[in-house]
Amino acid sequence: MSRLLRSCAPLRPGPERARAPTGARGEAARAVVRGSMEEPVREPVKRLMRASVRGRRNMPQVEPTGHLGRDPRRLCRGWEETPAEPSQGAAEVRETRRRHERRLVEVDSSRQQEYDFKMAQALEELRSQHDEQVRLYKLELEQTYQAKLDSAKLSSDQNDKAASAAREELKEARMRLESLSYQLSGLQKQASAAEDRIRELEEAMAGERDKFRKMLDAKEQEMTEMRDVMQQQLAEYQELLDVKLALDMEINAYRKLLEGEEERCGRPGGLGARSEEEGRGRRRGSGVRRVFQDQSLGNWRIKRQILEGEEIAYKFTPKYVLRAGQMVTVWAAGAGVAHSPPSTLVWKGQSSWGTGESFRTVLVNADGEEVAMRTVKQSSVVRENENGEEEEEEAEFGEEDLFHQQGDPRTTSRGCYVM
């Protein structure tokens, strides 16, 4: 009875019916059943299991025969209730059981074959998918490896080129360094020689400087002595000028006395026939300034006025200095004299100092004070020579006021000296 009940139970895979293949296929099947495979493998296995379950459900049921009825439990109860017929019921049960077992064996055999076929098909599909994945993975791995290998080769080539270039640059730098070292050695030698030469020149220059300083001191001493001698000579010259001035004044006095005597004696053609005729000669004069010490003539002026005419003035430059014992002459541009400062100056803006029978020349300093003044008048005198012929002579009479110094020879017909 227990066997019958077990046979009536729903069909489930057991050790007798689930004859799984051994080896690698068995392991793959168990892995599929356990659900340890990936999703693409689980799906066909699930479909296979559902088909197996549906097949078991569609299996033909055991048909109860005789008085047992359709319910196995009733069959069991009837067997218990009819102990009088044990042999007949047992035979029927055995027969039913045998038929049922044969039917189960046939169904299990067909289902097992179908299950094995589907399992093999799923495993083959799984193997093909796995092989395809392995192939793709291997191909991708090979491509990645080849790309990395190519990149590594390229990097290695670039590194080799960079290393070669660096070695070349290092070699060139070493050569340049050696060349520069040689040049530096040569320049250091030249610098050392130049320093020695500079030292020698400095020593020679110091010697020459001492020599020229001594010469300069000697020249200054000589100039001092010459200046003293010149001052002495100028003093003597000044005394001579004073004597000459006194003699000129005495001569003029004697001349006037002689003229007065001639007029008193009534000689014709004497000095009384002096005319007021205007002088016809054209004068080009100059202003002269002589001193016995250095005198700054900056912005000093020489003024000249003829009769009542317009006054003309020459102005010295602001930095002009007249050295002691020197004489300066200012010429008009029409005199034809070359400009040679500081002793000879040419007034380029004036062609002549002017002409006339009377003119006045004044030297004015920078403050507007008159330092010296000279007035010249021209007269004509008619005289008789030894043959009784009349001769006309021109004479100049000058008066000068010297505010600083006195004593200067009278000028000629071409000059005007102002002290």
Protein backbone atom coordinates (compact mmCIF):
# COMPACT_ATOMS: atom_id res chain seq x y z
CA MET A 1 0.00 0.00 0.00
CA SER A 2 2.78 2.37 0.78
CA ARG A 3 4.30 1.66 -2.60
CA LEU A 4 0.98 2.42 -4.24
CA LEU A 5 0.70 5.68 -2.40
CA ARG A 6 4.21 6.63 -3.47
CA SER A 7 3.33 5.75 -7.03
CA CYS A 8 0.25 7.91 -6.85
CA ALA A 9 2.22 10.90 -5.60
CA PRO A 10 3.18 13.64 -8.11
CA LEU A 11 6.14 12.75 -10.22
CA ARG A 12 9.34 14.48 -9.13
CA PRO A 13 12.89 13.89 -10.18
CA GLY A 14 14.59 11.31 -8.00
CA PRO A 15 17.66 9.23 -7.98
CA GLU A 16 16.04 6.52 -10.08
CA ARG A 17 14.63 8.83 -12.76
CA ALA A 18 17.15 11.67 -12.84
CA ARG A 19 19.99 9.82 -14.39
CA ALA A 20 22.22 12.75 -15.06
CA PRO A 21 25.21 12.22 -17.27
CA THR A 22 28.53 11.91 -15.56
CA GLY A 23 31.76 13.75 -16.25
CA ALA A 24 31.89 17.30 -17.62
CA ARG A 25 28.35 17.09 -19.00
CA GLY A 26 27.03 15.99 -15.60
CA GLU A 27 28.80 18.84 -13.86
CA ALA A 28 27.39 21.33 -16.40
CA ALA A 29 23.90 19.90 -15.90
CA ARG A 30 24.13 20.15 -12.13
CA ALA A 31 25.39 23.71 -12.50
CA VAL A 32 22.38 24.52 -14.68
CA VAL A 33 20.02 22.95 -12.15
CA ARG A 34 21.61 24.82 -9.25
CA GLY A 35 21.26 28.07 -11.15
CA SER A 36 24.93 28.90 -10.93
CA MET A 37 25.24 29.62 -14.63
CA GLU A 38 24.64 32.93 -16.26
CA GLU A 39 21.23 34.15 -17.37
CA PRO A 40 21.57 33.04 -21.06
CA VAL A 41 22.13 29.44 -19.76
CA ARG A 42 19.43 29.47 -17.08
CA GLU A 43 16.63 30.35 -19.48
CA PRO A 44 16.79 27.18 -21.68
CA VAL A 45 17.19 24.99 -18.57
CA LYS A 46 14.09 26.56 -17.03
CA ARG A 47 12.16 25.94 -20.21
CA LEU A 48 13.34 22.32 -20.13
CA MET A 49 12.20 21.87 -16.51
CA ARG A 50 8.80 23.40 -17.24
CA ALA A 51 8.31 21.02 -20.19
CA SER A 52 9.23 18.04 -17.99
CA VAL A 53 6.73 19.07 -15.34
CA ARG A 54 4.00 19.52 -17.94
CA GLY A 55 4.77 16.06 -19.33
CA ARG A 56 4.43 14.46 -15.94
CA ARG A 57 1.15 16.21 -15.36
CA ASN A 58 -0.15 14.88 -18.66
CA MET A 59 0.81 11.31 -17.81
CA PRO A 60 -2.18 8.85 -17.83
CA GLN A 61 -3.59 8.12 -14.38
CA VAL A 62 -4.07 4.65 -12.99
CA GLU A 63 -7.55 3.45 -13.71
CA PRO A 64 -9.10 1.75 -10.66
CA THR A 65 -10.77 -1.56 -11.48
CA GLY A 66 -13.33 -3.73 -9.75
CA HIS A 67 -14.92 -2.66 -6.59
CA LEU A 68 -12.06 -0.47 -5.45
CA GLY A 69 -13.53 2.62 -7.06
CA ARG A 70 -11.68 5.66 -8.30
CA ASP A 71 -10.14 6.77 -5.02
CA PRO A 72 -6.98 4.96 -3.84
CA ARG A 73 -7.85 5.82 -0.29
CA ARG A 74 -11.14 4.04 -0.76
CA LEU A 75 -9.19 1.16 -2.18
CA CYS A 76 -7.08 1.04 0.90
CA ARG A 77 -10.10 1.31 3.17
CA GLY A 78 -11.88 -1.35 1.22
CA TRP A 79 -8.88 -3.63 1.54
CA GLU A 80 -8.92 -3.09 5.21
CA GLU A 81 -12.66 -3.55 5.38
CA THR A 82 -12.70 -6.80 3.31
CA PRO A 83 -10.23 -9.04 4.92
CA ALA A 84 -12.14 -11.95 3.55
CA GLU A 85 -10.74 -11.50 0.03
CA PRO A 86 -7.08 -10.67 0.46
CA SER A 87 -5.71 -12.66 -2.41
CA GLN A 88 -7.95 -11.24 -5.11
CA GLY A 89 -7.41 -7.60 -4.14
CA ALA A 90 -3.71 -8.06 -3.80
CA ALA A 91 -3.50 -9.57 -7.26
CA GLU A 92 -5.37 -6.68 -8.76
CA VAL A 93 -3.23 -4.22 -6.96
CA ARG A 94 -0.10 -5.91 -8.12
CA GLU A 95 -1.38 -5.99 -11.67
CA THR A 96 -2.32 -2.35 -11.55
CA ARG A 97 0.98 -1.52 -10.04
CA ARG A 98 2.84 -3.36 -12.73
CA ARG A 99 0.93 -1.64 -15.46
CA HIS A 100 1.46 1.69 -13.77
CA GLU A 101 5.18 1.07 -13.32
CA ARG A 102 5.52 0.01 -16.92
CA ARG A 103 3.73 3.15 -17.98
CA LEU A 104 5.98 5.23 -15.70
CA VAL A 105 9.08 3.54 -17.03
CA GLU A 106 8.01 4.24 -20.58
CA VAL A 107 7.13 7.84 -19.78
CA ASP A 108 10.32 8.35 -17.77
CA SER A 109 12.38 6.82 -20.53
CA SER A 110 10.87 9.09 -23.19
CA ARG A 111 11.06 12.12 -20.93
CA GLN A 112 14.62 11.25 -19.96
CA GLN A 113 15.62 11.01 -23.58
CA GLU A 114 13.90 14.30 -24.35
CA TYR A 115 15.50 15.85 -21.27
CA ASP A 116 18.93 14.53 -22.23
CA PHE A 117 18.49 15.84 -25.78
CA LYS A 118 17.43 19.28 -24.62
CA MET A 119 20.16 19.26 -22.00
CA ALA A 120 22.75 18.39 -24.63
CA GLN A 121 21.29 21.03 -26.95
CA ALA A 122 21.42 23.66 -24.17
CA LEU A 123 24.95 22.63 -23.28
CA GLU A 124 25.97 22.82 -26.93
CA GLU A 125 24.36 26.25 -27.23
CA LEU A 126 26.05 27.28 -23.99
CA ARG A 127 29.37 25.93 -25.24
CA SER A 128 29.01 27.80 -28.53
CA GLN A 129 28.11 31.01 -26.71
CA HIS A 130 30.96 30.50 -24.31
CA ASP A 131 33.35 29.76 -27.17
CA GLU A 132 32.12 32.87 -28.98
CA GLN A 133 32.60 34.96 -25.85
CA VAL A 134 36.02 33.42 -25.31
CA ARG A 135 36.88 34.10 -28.95
CA LEU A 136 35.67 37.70 -28.71
CA TYR A 137 37.46 38.18 -25.40
CA LYS A 138 40.60 36.62 -26.84
CA LEU A 139 40.32 38.82 -29.94
CA GLU A 140 39.77 41.92 -27.83
CA LEU A 141 42.61 40.90 -25.56
CA GLU A 142 44.88 40.32 -28.55
CA GLN A 143 43.87 43.67 -30.04
CA THR A 144 44.44 45.42 -26.71
CA TYR A 145 47.74 43.63 -26.28
CA GLN A 146 48.77 44.48 -29.84
CA ALA A 147 47.74 48.14 -29.37
CA LYS A 148 49.62 48.36 -26.11
CA LEU A 149 52.57 46.59 -27.68
CA ASP A 150 52.52 49.02 -30.63
CA SER A 151 52.21 51.94 -28.23
CA ALA A 152 55.07 50.57 -26.17
CA LYS A 153 57.16 50.11 -29.33
CA LEU A 154 56.30 53.65 -30.45
CA SER A 155 57.15 55.02 -27.03
CA SER A 156 60.34 53.01 -27.05
CA ASP A 157 61.24 54.38 -30.50
CA GLN A 158 60.46 57.90 -29.37
CA ASN A 159 62.46 57.40 -26.21
CA ASP A 160 65.32 56.02 -28.28
CA LYS A 161 65.17 59.03 -30.58
CA ALA A 162 64.96 61.40 -27.62
CA ALA A 163 67.88 59.62 -25.97
CA SER A 164 69.88 59.82 -29.21
CA ALA A 165 69.05 63.52 -29.55
CA ALA A 166 69.97 64.07 -25.91
CA ARG A 167 73.26 62.25 -26.43
CA GLU A 168 73.96 64.37 -29.52
CA GLU A 169 73.10 67.56 -27.63
CA LEU A 170 75.27 66.42 -24.73
CA LYS A 171 78.12 65.74 -27.13
CA GLU A 172 77.71 69.15 -28.80
CA ALA A 173 77.43 70.84 -25.41
CA ARG A 174 80.60 69.09 -24.27
CA MET A 175 82.38 70.24 -27.43
CA ARG A 176 81.10 73.80 -26.95
CA LEU A 177 82.18 73.69 -23.34
CA GLU A 178 85.67 72.61 -24.33
CA SER A 179 85.81 75.35 -26.99
CA LEU A 180 84.60 77.94 -24.51
CA SER A 181 87.12 76.69 -21.99
CA TYR A 182 89.91 77.21 -24.53
CA GLN A 183 88.56 80.65 -25.39
CA LEU A 184 88.28 81.50 -21.69
CA SER A 185 91.87 80.47 -21.13
CA GLY A 186 92.98 82.66 -24.05
CA LEU A 187 90.92 85.60 -22.85
CA GLN A 188 92.26 85.21 -19.34
CA LYS A 189 95.79 85.33 -20.73
CA GLN A 190 94.91 88.41 -22.78
CA ALA A 191 93.29 90.02 -19.74
CA SER A 192 96.37 89.29 -17.65
CA ALA A 193 98.61 90.80 -20.34
CA ALA A 194 96.28 93.81 -20.63
CA GLU A 195 96.35 94.30 -16.86
CA ASP A 196 100.14 94.20 -16.90
CA ARG A 197 100.15 96.70 -19.76
CA ILE A 198 97.69 98.93 -17.91
CA ARG A 199 99.85 98.76 -14.80
CA GLU A 200 102.91 99.74 -16.82
CA LEU A 201 101.02 102.58 -18.51
CA GLU A 202 99.71 103.82 -15.18
CA GLU A 203 103.23 103.86 -13.78
CA ALA A 204 104.48 105.67 -16.89
CA MET A 205 101.56 108.09 -16.69
CA ALA A 206 102.31 108.76 -13.02
CA GLY A 207 105.92 109.48 -13.94
CA GLU A 208 104.87 111.76 -16.80
CA ARG A 209 102.37 113.48 -14.53
CA ASP A 210 105.07 114.18 -11.97
CA LYS A 211 107.36 115.36 -14.74
CA PHE A 212 104.77 117.71 -16.22
CA ARG A 213 103.80 118.94 -12.77
CA LYS A 214 107.38 119.90 -12.16
CA MET A 215 107.55 121.53 -15.59
CA LEU A 216 104.30 123.36 -14.89
CA ASP A 217 105.60 124.58 -11.55
CA ALA A 218 108.76 125.77 -13.30
CA LYS A 219 106.68 127.53 -15.97
CA GLU A 220 104.49 129.14 -13.35
CA GLN A 221 107.58 130.30 -11.52
CA GLU A 222 108.97 131.65 -14.78
CA MET A 223 105.66 133.35 -15.57
CA THR A 224 105.63 134.89 -12.11
CA GLU A 225 109.12 136.23 -12.66
CA MET A 226 108.18 137.49 -16.13
CA ARG A 227 105.05 139.11 -14.69
CA ASP A 228 107.16 140.89 -12.09
CA VAL A 229 109.57 142.03 -14.78
CA MET A 230 106.66 143.15 -16.94
CA GLN A 231 105.11 145.06 -14.06
CA GLN A 232 108.44 146.78 -13.53
CA GLN A 233 108.73 147.59 -17.23
CA LEU A 234 105.13 148.85 -17.29
CA ALA A 235 105.87 151.09 -14.36
CA GLU A 236 108.89 152.45 -16.18
CA TYR A 237 106.81 152.83 -19.33
CA GLN A 238 104.15 154.68 -17.38
CA GLU A 239 106.79 157.06 -16.09
CA LEU A 240 108.02 157.58 -19.64
CA LEU A 241 104.45 158.23 -20.79
CA ASP A 242 104.00 160.81 -18.06
CA VAL A 243 107.23 162.50 -19.12
CA LYS A 244 106.13 162.37 -22.76
CA LEU A 245 102.76 163.86 -21.89
CA ALA A 246 104.45 166.67 -20.02
CA LEU A 247 106.76 167.25 -22.98
CA ASP A 248 103.81 167.27 -25.40
CA MET A 249 102.01 169.81 -23.29
CA GLU A 250 105.15 171.92 -23.12
CA ILE A 251 105.61 171.65 -26.90
CA ASN A 252 102.00 172.72 -27.43
CA ALA A 253 102.54 175.66 -25.15
CA TYR A 254 105.65 176.68 -27.08
CA ARG A 255 103.77 176.25 -30.36
CA LYS A 256 101.01 178.51 -29.17
CA LEU A 257 103.58 181.05 -28.05
CA LEU A 258 105.25 180.89 -31.47
CA GLU A 259 101.93 181.32 -33.22
CA GLY A 260 101.14 184.27 -31.01
CA GLU A 261 104.50 185.82 -31.82
CA GLU A 262 103.89 185.26 -35.55
CA GLU A 263 100.50 186.89 -35.31
CA ARG A 264 101.95 189.75 -33.33
CA CYS A 265 104.73 190.24 -35.86
CA GLY A 266 102.10 190.37 -38.63
CA ARG A 267 103.58 187.67 -40.84
CA PRO A 268 101.16 186.66 -43.60
CA GLY A 269 99.99 183.10 -43.73
CA GLY A 270 100.55 182.69 -40.05
CA LEU A 271 98.60 180.76 -37.56
CA GLY A 272 95.82 183.35 -37.58
CA ALA A 273 94.69 182.14 -40.96
CA ARG A 274 93.48 178.88 -39.51
CA SER A 275 90.25 177.87 -41.19
CA GLU A 276 87.21 176.03 -39.94
CA GLU A 277 87.10 173.89 -43.07
CA GLU A 278 85.63 170.49 -42.57
CA GLY A 279 88.08 167.69 -42.88
CA ARG A 280 87.63 165.69 -46.01
CA GLY A 281 89.46 162.53 -45.02
CA ARG A 282 87.48 159.50 -43.95
CA ARG A 283 88.51 158.08 -40.61
CA ARG A 284 88.34 154.50 -39.57
CA GLY A 285 89.31 154.30 -35.95
CA SER A 286 89.47 151.92 -33.07
CA GLY A 287 89.06 152.00 -29.34
CA VAL A 288 92.08 150.94 -27.26
CA ARG A 289 92.12 149.86 -23.60
CA ARG A 290 95.35 149.08 -21.71
CA VAL A 291 95.51 148.19 -18.03
CA PHE A 292 98.11 146.78 -15.66
CA GLN A 293 95.94 144.03 -14.14
CA ASP A 294 93.22 141.66 -15.36
CA GLN A 295 90.05 143.64 -16.02
CA SER A 296 86.66 142.20 -16.92
CA LEU A 297 85.14 144.21 -19.79
CA GLY A 298 81.90 142.24 -19.96
CA ASN A 299 79.08 144.46 -21.27
CA TRP A 300 81.39 147.51 -21.43
CA ARG A 301 80.76 149.92 -24.31
CA ILE A 302 82.78 152.28 -26.51
CA LYS A 303 80.67 155.26 -27.61
CA ARG A 304 81.60 157.59 -30.50
CA GLN A 305 79.75 160.80 -31.42
CA ILE A 306 80.76 163.07 -34.33
CA LEU A 307 79.70 166.73 -33.91
CA GLU A 308 76.02 166.71 -33.13
CA GLY A 309 75.31 163.52 -35.07
CA GLU A 310 73.99 160.18 -33.93
CA GLU A 311 75.97 158.32 -31.32
CA ILE A 312 77.31 154.83 -32.14
CA ALA A 313 78.39 152.29 -29.53
CA TYR A 314 80.32 148.99 -29.52
CA LYS A 315 79.53 146.52 -26.72
CA PHE A 316 81.97 143.91 -25.43
CA THR A 317 80.79 140.33 -24.86
CA PRO A 318 79.68 139.42 -21.31
CA LYS A 319 82.67 137.09 -20.72
CA TYR A 320 85.42 139.25 -22.21
CA VAL A 321 88.43 139.79 -19.90
CA LEU A 322 91.40 142.05 -20.69
CA ARG A 323 94.61 140.51 -19.36
CA ALA A 324 97.18 142.57 -17.50
CA GLY A 325 99.64 144.34 -19.81
CA GLN A 326 97.63 143.55 -22.95
CA MET A 327 95.98 145.99 -25.36
CA VAL A 328 92.73 145.48 -27.24
CA THR A 329 91.87 147.25 -30.48
CA VAL A 330 88.34 147.42 -31.90
CA TRP A 331 88.29 147.95 -35.67
CA ALA A 332 85.37 148.84 -37.89
CA ALA A 333 84.39 146.26 -40.52
CA GLY A 334 85.54 148.53 -43.37
CA ALA A 335 89.11 148.71 -42.07
CA GLY A 336 89.96 145.33 -43.63
CA VAL A 337 91.50 143.93 -40.43
CA ALA A 338 91.08 140.24 -39.54
CA HIS A 339 89.24 139.36 -36.36
CA SER A 340 91.79 137.91 -33.89
CA PRO A 341 90.57 137.93 -30.27
CA PRO A 342 91.41 138.80 -27.61
CA SER A 343 93.79 141.56 -28.81
CA THR A 344 92.11 142.47 -32.11
CA LEU A 345 88.32 142.73 -32.39
CA VAL A 346 86.26 143.60 -35.48
CA TRP A 347 82.92 145.41 -35.23
CA LYS A 348 81.06 143.53 -37.98
CA GLY A 349 77.90 145.59 -37.71
CA GLN A 350 79.65 148.93 -38.39
CA SER A 351 81.65 149.75 -41.52
CA SER A 352 83.34 152.88 -40.07
CA TRP A 353 83.78 154.74 -36.83
CA GLY A 354 82.72 157.90 -38.72
CA THR A 355 84.45 161.07 -40.06
CA GLY A 356 84.31 164.72 -39.09
CA GLU A 357 86.32 167.64 -37.83
CA SER A 358 85.30 166.97 -34.25
CA PHE A 359 84.32 163.74 -32.47
CA ARG A 360 84.09 162.48 -28.95
CA THR A 361 84.83 158.92 -27.73
CA VAL A 362 83.75 157.58 -24.33
CA LEU A 363 84.42 154.26 -22.54
CA VAL A 364 81.48 153.23 -20.31
CA ASN A 365 81.54 150.29 -17.86
CA ALA A 366 78.71 147.80 -17.20
CA ASP A 367 77.16 150.10 -14.58
CA GLY A 368 76.89 153.00 -17.03
CA GLU A 369 79.77 155.00 -15.54
CA GLU A 370 82.18 156.82 -17.85
CA VAL A 371 85.64 155.38 -17.29
CA ALA A 372 87.55 157.41 -19.93
CA MET A 373 86.79 160.08 -22.52
CA ARG A 374 88.68 161.59 -25.48
CA THR A 375 87.74 164.55 -27.71
CA VAL A 376 89.50 165.26 -31.04
CA LYS A 377 89.17 168.42 -33.17
CA GLN A 378 90.64 168.92 -36.66
CA SER A 379 91.83 172.31 -38.03
CA SER A 380 93.52 173.53 -41.23
CA VAL A 381 96.59 175.86 -41.14
CA VAL A 382 97.95 177.76 -44.14
CA ARG A 383 101.70 178.31 -44.17
CA GLU A 384 104.24 179.74 -46.61
CA ASN A 385 107.17 177.63 -47.59
CA GLU A 386 110.64 178.88 -48.47
CA ASN A 387 109.58 179.51 -52.08
CA GLY A 388 106.78 181.81 -50.97
CA GLU A 389 104.07 179.29 -51.80
CA GLU A 390 101.19 178.66 -49.46
CA GLU A 391 100.73 175.16 -48.03
CA GLU A 392 97.71 173.84 -46.18
CA GLU A 393 98.33 171.47 -43.33
CA GLU A 394 95.90 169.54 -41.19
CA ALA A 395 96.43 169.35 -37.49
CA GLU A 396 94.61 167.42 -34.75
CA PHE A 397 94.24 168.67 -31.25
CA GLY A 398 92.94 166.23 -28.68
CA GLU A 399 91.79 166.53 -25.12
CA GLU A 400 91.31 163.50 -22.94
CA ASP A 401 89.97 162.90 -19.47
CA LEU A 402 91.35 159.79 -17.79
CA PHE A 403 89.39 158.79 -14.76
CA HIS A 404 91.52 155.78 -13.85
CA GLN A 405 94.96 156.39 -15.32
CA GLN A 406 96.73 159.01 -17.39
CA GLY A 407 99.51 158.97 -19.93
CA ASP A 408 98.93 157.63 -23.39
CA PRO A 409 100.41 158.73 -26.70
CA ARG A 410 98.20 160.69 -29.07
CA THR A 411 96.59 158.72 -31.78
CA THR A 412 97.36 158.99 -35.44
CA SER A 413 94.86 159.98 -38.06
CA ARG A 414 93.42 156.43 -38.13
CA GLY A 415 92.96 155.79 -34.44
CA CYS A 416 91.29 156.91 -31.26
CA TYR A 417 92.82 155.65 -28.02
CA VAL A 418 90.71 155.57 -24.88
CA MET A 419 92.23 154.66 -21.52
